[in-house]
Amino acid sequence: MDDTPHLRPIKAHLQPLADSLKKSGLSTHLSTKTGVETALQRAQILLGCYRKDDAADPETYAGAVAAVLAEYTTDIVRRVTDPRTGLPSRMQWLPSVKEVRDACDELEQRERSIAAAAALQEKQLRERREWLASQQVRPTLDDLKAKHGENWGMTPAEQDAAAAARRRSTLAEANRRLFAEECAAAGMPEDSPVSPTLHALIKAGIA
């Protein structure tokens, strides 16, 4: 950003903040945050979208907004200050510093939710692939009989009980996976206390 005369007072106002951030032990954490130069530029864009007399002290306002913007990623900062889709397109009056922060927080939370949903979906797909792979290498009935004997060393009653337990376990596992897939398709956590179908019915009843 060019160091034009009308920006120099604002830049000087923020320079102590920039210096303290660079000297702090958070350099790695802040590497994804917006630089002070960009924050100043976007604050000026935001201020320029409104009448000059909307701010009692334009320099202080731009400096405060830039300090807030510097805490977020460049993508969020650009989206919040974009005259076409950001705060200038939605607010008639110059937004307060809190309103700028709230808008940034809202976008940041939305990005975190999207990332969390994508991570959950990837985890579920990975687990499904692992489960399918494990099914492909399961021993055959003849292999099990050769290893454990014709009756697996159990009496007929024990055999029946073991077979019933296996059927219940297989059914429970199938139901769990179907429920997880249904929740994933509906954008709900796989450990949701209610099914997507019941959730939709409840929501429809409330509406």
C-alpha atoms as a PDB file:
ATOM      1  CA  MET A   1       0.000   0.000   0.000  1.00  0.00           C
ATOM      2  CA  ASP A   2       1.340   3.452  -0.919  1.00  0.00           C
ATOM      3  CA  ASP A   3       2.277   5.602   2.046  1.00  0.00           C
ATOM      4  CA  THR A   4       0.060   8.484   0.966  1.00  0.00           C
ATOM      5  CA  PRO A   5      -0.174  11.564   3.229  1.00  0.00           C
ATOM      6  CA  HIS A   6      -3.781  10.958   4.330  1.00  0.00           C
ATOM      7  CA  LEU A   7      -2.846   7.477   5.600  1.00  0.00           C
ATOM      8  CA  ARG A   8       0.302   8.428   7.476  1.00  0.00           C
ATOM      9  CA  PRO A   9      -1.451   9.546  10.703  1.00  0.00           C
ATOM     10  CA  ILE A  10      -3.456   6.288  10.811  1.00  0.00           C
ATOM     11  CA  LYS A  11      -0.383   4.204  10.080  1.00  0.00           C
ATOM     12  CA  ALA A  12       1.524   6.005  12.825  1.00  0.00           C
ATOM     13  CA  HIS A  13      -1.399   5.373  15.170  1.00  0.00           C
ATOM     14  CA  LEU A  14      -1.184   1.631  14.513  1.00  0.00           C
ATOM     15  CA  GLN A  15       2.593   1.256  14.368  1.00  0.00           C
ATOM     16  CA  PRO A  16       2.981   0.514  18.118  1.00  0.00           C
ATOM     17  CA  LEU A  17       0.403  -2.267  17.729  1.00  0.00           C
ATOM     18  CA  ALA A  18       2.246  -3.696  14.722  1.00  0.00           C
ATOM     19  CA  ASP A  19       5.565  -3.604  16.568  1.00  0.00           C
ATOM     20  CA  SER A  20       4.144  -5.343  19.651  1.00  0.00           C
ATOM     21  CA  LEU A  21       2.656  -8.126  17.519  1.00  0.00           C
ATOM     22  CA  LYS A  22       5.956  -8.736  15.759  1.00  0.00           C
ATOM     23  CA  LYS A  23       7.833  -8.913  19.073  1.00  0.00           C
ATOM     24  CA  SER A  24       5.330 -11.253  20.725  1.00  0.00           C
ATOM     25  CA  GLY A  25       5.669 -15.012  20.892  1.00  0.00           C
ATOM     26  CA  LEU A  26       2.637 -15.454  18.651  1.00  0.00           C
ATOM     27  CA  SER A  27       4.412 -14.995  15.320  1.00  0.00           C
ATOM     28  CA  THR A  28       3.483 -18.482  14.114  1.00  0.00           C
ATOM     29  CA  HIS A  29      -0.150 -18.078  15.170  1.00  0.00           C
ATOM     30  CA  LEU A  30      -0.336 -14.647  13.560  1.00  0.00           C
ATOM     31  CA  SER A  31       1.189 -15.816  10.292  1.00  0.00           C
ATOM     32  CA  THR A  32      -2.296 -16.405   8.895  1.00  0.00           C
ATOM     33  CA  LYS A  33      -3.637 -13.076  10.138  1.00  0.00           C
ATOM     34  CA  THR A  34      -3.961  -9.931   8.087  1.00  0.00           C
ATOM     35  CA  GLY A  35      -0.923  -7.673   7.953  1.00  0.00           C
ATOM     36  CA  VAL A  36      -1.142  -4.149   9.337  1.00  0.00           C
ATOM     37  CA  GLU A  37      -0.714  -2.614   5.872  1.00  0.00           C
ATOM     38  CA  THR A  38      -3.649  -4.597   4.468  1.00  0.00           C
ATOM     39  CA  ALA A  39      -5.762  -3.934   7.579  1.00  0.00           C
ATOM     40  CA  LEU A  40      -5.176  -0.188   7.174  1.00  0.00           C
ATOM     41  CA  GLN A  41      -6.066  -0.334   3.505  1.00  0.00           C
ATOM     42  CA  ARG A  42      -9.304  -2.247   4.121  1.00  0.00           C
ATOM     43  CA  ALA A  43     -10.249   0.072   7.001  1.00  0.00           C
ATOM     44  CA  GLN A  44      -9.799   3.024   4.647  1.00  0.00           C
ATOM     45  CA  ILE A  45     -12.010   1.301   2.041  1.00  0.00           C
ATOM     46  CA  LEU A  46     -14.707   0.752   4.661  1.00  0.00           C
ATOM     47  CA  LEU A  47     -14.486   4.348   5.874  1.00  0.00           C
ATOM     48  CA  GLY A  48     -14.527   5.636   2.303  1.00  0.00           C
ATOM     49  CA  CYS A  49     -17.883   3.957   1.628  1.00  0.00           C
ATOM     50  CA  TYR A  50     -19.604   6.351   4.049  1.00  0.00           C
ATOM     51  CA  ARG A  51     -19.832  10.109   4.483  1.00  0.00           C
ATOM     52  CA  LYS A  52     -16.813  11.640   6.175  1.00  0.00           C
ATOM     53  CA  ASP A  53     -18.918  13.259   8.892  1.00  0.00           C
ATOM     54  CA  ASP A  54     -20.260   9.825   9.975  1.00  0.00           C
ATOM     55  CA  ALA A  55     -17.095   9.379  12.018  1.00  0.00           C
ATOM     56  CA  ALA A  56     -16.302  11.956  14.706  1.00  0.00           C
ATOM     57  CA  ASP A  57     -12.604  11.221  14.322  1.00  0.00           C
ATOM     58  CA  PRO A  58     -11.882   9.370  11.033  1.00  0.00           C
ATOM     59  CA  GLU A  59      -8.249   8.671  11.930  1.00  0.00           C
ATOM     60  CA  THR A  60      -9.111   7.115  15.275  1.00  0.00           C
ATOM     61  CA  TYR A  61     -11.969   5.146  13.737  1.00  0.00           C
ATOM     62  CA  ALA A  62      -9.859   3.768  10.889  1.00  0.00           C
ATOM     63  CA  GLY A  63      -7.068   2.918  13.312  1.00  0.00           C
ATOM     64  CA  ALA A  64      -9.436   1.055  15.653  1.00  0.00           C
ATOM     65  CA  VAL A  65     -11.064  -0.842  12.788  1.00  0.00           C
ATOM     66  CA  ALA A  66      -7.657  -1.752  11.359  1.00  0.00           C
ATOM     67  CA  ALA A  67      -6.582  -3.072  14.763  1.00  0.00           C
ATOM     68  CA  VAL A  68      -9.660  -5.326  14.805  1.00  0.00           C
ATOM     69  CA  LEU A  69      -9.203  -6.464  11.208  1.00  0.00           C
ATOM     70  CA  ALA A  70      -5.575  -7.393  11.887  1.00  0.00           C
ATOM     71  CA  GLU A  71      -6.842 -10.209  14.152  1.00  0.00           C
ATOM     72  CA  TYR A  72      -8.524 -12.082  11.278  1.00  0.00           C
ATOM     73  CA  THR A  73      -7.456 -13.756   8.056  1.00  0.00           C
ATOM     74  CA  THR A  74      -7.132 -11.683   4.908  1.00  0.00           C
ATOM     75  CA  ASP A  75     -10.023 -13.554   3.293  1.00  0.00           C
ATOM     76  CA  ILE A  76     -12.392 -12.627   6.143  1.00  0.00           C
ATOM     77  CA  VAL A  77     -11.176  -9.014   6.168  1.00  0.00           C
ATOM     78  CA  ARG A  78     -11.745  -8.598   2.442  1.00  0.00           C
ATOM     79  CA  ARG A  79     -15.206 -10.152   2.605  1.00  0.00           C
ATOM     80  CA  VAL A  80     -16.310  -7.957   5.530  1.00  0.00           C
ATOM     81  CA  THR A  81     -15.068  -4.726   3.934  1.00  0.00           C
ATOM     82  CA  ASP A  82     -16.048  -5.545   0.329  1.00  0.00           C
ATOM     83  CA  PRO A  83     -18.344  -2.722  -0.882  1.00  0.00           C
ATOM     84  CA  ARG A  84     -20.319  -5.208  -3.012  1.00  0.00           C
ATOM     85  CA  THR A  85     -21.097  -7.936  -0.464  1.00  0.00           C
ATOM     86  CA  GLY A  86     -19.668  -6.833   2.882  1.00  0.00           C
ATOM     87  CA  LEU A  87     -20.798  -4.378   5.540  1.00  0.00           C
ATOM     88  CA  PRO A  88     -21.010  -1.370   3.164  1.00  0.00           C
ATOM     89  CA  SER A  89     -23.673  -3.173   1.095  1.00  0.00           C
ATOM     90  CA  ARG A  90     -25.748  -4.069   4.165  1.00  0.00           C
ATOM     91  CA  MET A  91     -25.463  -1.111   6.538  1.00  0.00           C
ATOM     92  CA  GLN A  92     -26.675   2.386   5.749  1.00  0.00           C
ATOM     93  CA  TRP A  93     -24.662   4.018   8.515  1.00  0.00           C
ATOM     94  CA  LEU A  94     -20.973   3.683   9.370  1.00  0.00           C
ATOM     95  CA  PRO A  95     -20.658   0.447  11.409  1.00  0.00           C
ATOM     96  CA  SER A  96     -19.270   0.632  14.911  1.00  0.00           C
ATOM     97  CA  VAL A  97     -16.030  -1.133  15.775  1.00  0.00           C
ATOM     98  CA  LYS A  98     -18.095  -3.799  17.570  1.00  0.00           C
ATOM     99  CA  GLU A  99     -20.238  -4.353  14.492  1.00  0.00           C
ATOM    100  CA  VAL A 100     -17.071  -4.849  12.434  1.00  0.00           C
ATOM    101  CA  ARG A 101     -15.799  -7.405  14.942  1.00  0.00           C
ATOM    102  CA  ASP A 102     -19.188  -9.170  15.056  1.00  0.00           C
ATOM    103  CA  ALA A 103     -19.196  -9.479  11.261  1.00  0.00           C
ATOM    104  CA  CYS A 104     -15.676 -10.927  11.301  1.00  0.00           C
ATOM    105  CA  ASP A 105     -16.582 -13.346  14.113  1.00  0.00           C
ATOM    106  CA  GLU A 106     -19.657 -14.525  12.196  1.00  0.00           C
ATOM    107  CA  LEU A 107     -17.621 -15.337   9.091  1.00  0.00           C
ATOM    108  CA  GLU A 108     -14.887 -16.983  11.140  1.00  0.00           C
ATOM    109  CA  GLN A 109     -17.400 -19.197  12.958  1.00  0.00           C
ATOM    110  CA  ARG A 110     -19.016 -20.134   9.638  1.00  0.00           C
ATOM    111  CA  GLU A 111     -15.639 -21.155   8.210  1.00  0.00           C
ATOM    112  CA  ARG A 112     -14.877 -23.224  11.306  1.00  0.00           C
ATOM    113  CA  SER A 113     -18.240 -24.995  11.019  1.00  0.00           C
ATOM    114  CA  ILE A 114     -17.633 -25.796   7.365  1.00  0.00           C
ATOM    115  CA  ALA A 115     -14.142 -27.079   8.147  1.00  0.00           C
ATOM    116  CA  ALA A 116     -15.446 -29.199  11.044  1.00  0.00           C
ATOM    117  CA  ALA A 117     -18.177 -30.704   8.848  1.00  0.00           C
ATOM    118  CA  ALA A 118     -15.647 -31.492   6.119  1.00  0.00           C
ATOM    119  CA  ALA A 119     -13.301 -33.105   8.657  1.00  0.00           C
ATOM    120  CA  LEU A 120     -16.145 -35.211  10.082  1.00  0.00           C
ATOM    121  CA  GLN A 121     -17.186 -36.357   6.626  1.00  0.00           C
ATOM    122  CA  GLU A 122     -13.603 -37.295   5.776  1.00  0.00           C
ATOM    123  CA  LYS A 123     -13.306 -39.240   9.043  1.00  0.00           C
ATOM    124  CA  GLN A 124     -16.510 -41.148   8.314  1.00  0.00           C
ATOM    125  CA  LEU A 125     -15.381 -41.956   4.775  1.00  0.00           C
ATOM    126  CA  ARG A 126     -11.997 -43.132   6.061  1.00  0.00           C
ATOM    127  CA  GLU A 127     -13.626 -45.367   8.665  1.00  0.00           C
ATOM    128  CA  ARG A 128     -15.969 -46.806   6.044  1.00  0.00           C
ATOM    129  CA  ARG A 129     -13.057 -47.570   3.719  1.00  0.00           C
ATOM    130  CA  GLU A 130     -11.195 -49.255   6.561  1.00  0.00           C
ATOM    131  CA  TRP A 131     -14.259 -51.295   7.482  1.00  0.00           C
ATOM    132  CA  LEU A 132     -14.807 -52.395   3.871  1.00  0.00           C
ATOM    133  CA  ALA A 133     -11.150 -53.338   3.598  1.00  0.00           C
ATOM    134  CA  SER A 134     -11.414 -55.414   6.777  1.00  0.00           C
ATOM    135  CA  GLN A 135     -14.412 -57.289   5.347  1.00  0.00           C
ATOM    136  CA  GLN A 136     -12.427 -58.296   2.289  1.00  0.00           C
ATOM    137  CA  VAL A 137      -9.811 -60.175   4.288  1.00  0.00           C
ATOM    138  CA  ARG A 138     -12.158 -61.970   6.685  1.00  0.00           C
ATOM    139  CA  PRO A 139     -11.440 -65.715   7.013  1.00  0.00           C
ATOM    140  CA  THR A 140     -13.827 -68.144   5.327  1.00  0.00           C
ATOM    141  CA  LEU A 141     -16.004 -70.630   7.198  1.00  0.00           C
ATOM    142  CA  ASP A 142     -13.662 -73.451   6.175  1.00  0.00           C
ATOM    143  CA  ASP A 143     -10.692 -71.481   7.529  1.00  0.00           C
ATOM    144  CA  LEU A 144     -12.418 -71.032  10.880  1.00  0.00           C
ATOM    145  CA  LYS A 145     -13.424 -74.688  11.072  1.00  0.00           C
ATOM    146  CA  ALA A 146      -9.879 -75.790  10.301  1.00  0.00           C
ATOM    147  CA  LYS A 147      -8.564 -73.527  13.039  1.00  0.00           C
ATOM    148  CA  HIS A 148     -11.166 -74.065  15.770  1.00  0.00           C
ATOM    149  CA  GLY A 149     -12.814 -77.375  14.902  1.00  0.00           C
ATOM    150  CA  GLU A 150     -16.244 -78.230  13.573  1.00  0.00           C
ATOM    151  CA  ASN A 151     -18.112 -76.751  16.551  1.00  0.00           C
ATOM    152  CA  TRP A 152     -15.437 -74.317  17.712  1.00  0.00           C
ATOM    153  CA  GLY A 153     -15.131 -76.377  20.898  1.00  0.00           C
ATOM    154  CA  MET A 154     -18.635 -75.425  22.070  1.00  0.00           C
ATOM    155  CA  THR A 155     -21.741 -77.397  22.928  1.00  0.00           C
ATOM    156  CA  PRO A 156     -24.818 -76.952  20.689  1.00  0.00           C
ATOM    157  CA  ALA A 157     -26.427 -74.624  23.261  1.00  0.00           C
ATOM    158  CA  GLU A 158     -23.284 -72.490  23.437  1.00  0.00           C
ATOM    159  CA  GLN A 159     -23.136 -72.457  19.650  1.00  0.00           C
ATOM    160  CA  ASP A 160     -26.701 -71.176  19.400  1.00  0.00           C
ATOM    161  CA  ALA A 161     -26.041 -68.473  21.985  1.00  0.00           C
ATOM    162  CA  ALA A 162     -22.828 -67.406  20.244  1.00  0.00           C
ATOM    163  CA  ALA A 163     -24.569 -67.311  16.858  1.00  0.00           C
ATOM    164  CA  ALA A 164     -27.388 -65.190  18.279  1.00  0.00           C
ATOM    165  CA  ALA A 165     -24.872 -62.828  19.852  1.00  0.00           C
ATOM    166  CA  ARG A 166     -23.052 -62.488  16.536  1.00  0.00           C
ATOM    167  CA  ARG A 167     -26.291 -61.721  14.723  1.00  0.00           C
ATOM    168  CA  ARG A 168     -27.196 -59.063  17.293  1.00  0.00           C
ATOM    169  CA  SER A 169     -23.713 -57.546  17.028  1.00  0.00           C
ATOM    170  CA  THR A 170     -23.834 -57.521  13.237  1.00  0.00           C
ATOM    171  CA  LEU A 171     -27.298 -55.947  13.237  1.00  0.00           C
ATOM    172  CA  ALA A 172     -26.270 -53.317  15.796  1.00  0.00           C
ATOM    173  CA  GLU A 173     -23.185 -52.416  13.775  1.00  0.00           C
ATOM    174  CA  ALA A 174     -25.207 -52.164  10.567  1.00  0.00           C
ATOM    175  CA  ASN A 175     -27.774 -49.935  12.286  1.00  0.00           C
ATOM    176  CA  ARG A 176     -25.033 -47.718  13.721  1.00  0.00           C
ATOM    177  CA  ARG A 177     -23.405 -47.221  10.343  1.00  0.00           C
ATOM    178  CA  LEU A 178     -26.704 -46.520   8.603  1.00  0.00           C
ATOM    179  CA  PHE A 179     -27.574 -43.956  11.296  1.00  0.00           C
ATOM    180  CA  ALA A 180     -24.145 -42.308  10.916  1.00  0.00           C
ATOM    181  CA  GLU A 181     -24.525 -42.128   7.135  1.00  0.00           C
ATOM    182  CA  GLU A 182     -28.036 -40.649   7.481  1.00  0.00           C
ATOM    183  CA  CYS A 183     -26.739 -38.029   9.922  1.00  0.00           C
ATOM    184  CA  ALA A 184     -23.803 -37.163   7.643  1.00  0.00           C
ATOM    185  CA  ALA A 185     -26.136 -36.704   4.683  1.00  0.00           C
ATOM    186  CA  ALA A 186     -28.312 -34.352   6.793  1.00  0.00           C
ATOM    187  CA  GLY A 187     -25.321 -32.384   8.086  1.00  0.00           C
ATOM    188  CA  MET A 188     -25.836 -33.629  11.661  1.00  0.00           C
ATOM    189  CA  PRO A 189     -23.227 -35.168  14.012  1.00  0.00           C
ATOM    190  CA  GLU A 190     -23.137 -38.959  13.914  1.00  0.00           C
ATOM    191  CA  ASP A 191     -23.720 -39.123  17.684  1.00  0.00           C
ATOM    192  CA  SER A 192     -26.910 -37.040  17.421  1.00  0.00           C
ATOM    193  CA  PRO A 193     -29.493 -38.035  20.081  1.00  0.00           C
ATOM    194  CA  VAL A 194     -32.241 -38.023  17.437  1.00  0.00           C
ATOM    195  CA  SER A 195     -32.366 -39.245  13.869  1.00  0.00           C
ATOM    196  CA  PRO A 196     -32.546 -36.759  10.979  1.00  0.00           C
ATOM    197  CA  THR A 197     -36.059 -38.000  10.234  1.00  0.00           C
ATOM    198  CA  LEU A 198     -37.257 -37.363  13.795  1.00  0.00           C
ATOM    199  CA  HIS A 199     -35.443 -34.024  13.833  1.00  0.00           C
ATOM    200  CA  ALA A 200     -37.264 -32.981  10.632  1.00  0.00           C
ATOM    201  CA  LEU A 201     -40.627 -34.053  12.104  1.00  0.00           C
ATOM    202  CA  ILE A 202     -39.995 -32.105  15.315  1.00  0.00           C
ATOM    203  CA  LYS A 203     -38.900 -29.044  13.344  1.00  0.00           C
ATOM    204  CA  ALA A 204     -41.959 -29.278  11.111  1.00  0.00           C
ATOM    205  CA  GLY A 205     -44.203 -29.586  14.170  1.00  0.00           C
ATOM    206  CA  ILE A 206     -42.663 -26.486  15.747  1.00  0.00           C
ATOM    207  CA  ALA A 207     -42.939 -24.562  12.502  1.00  0.00           C
END
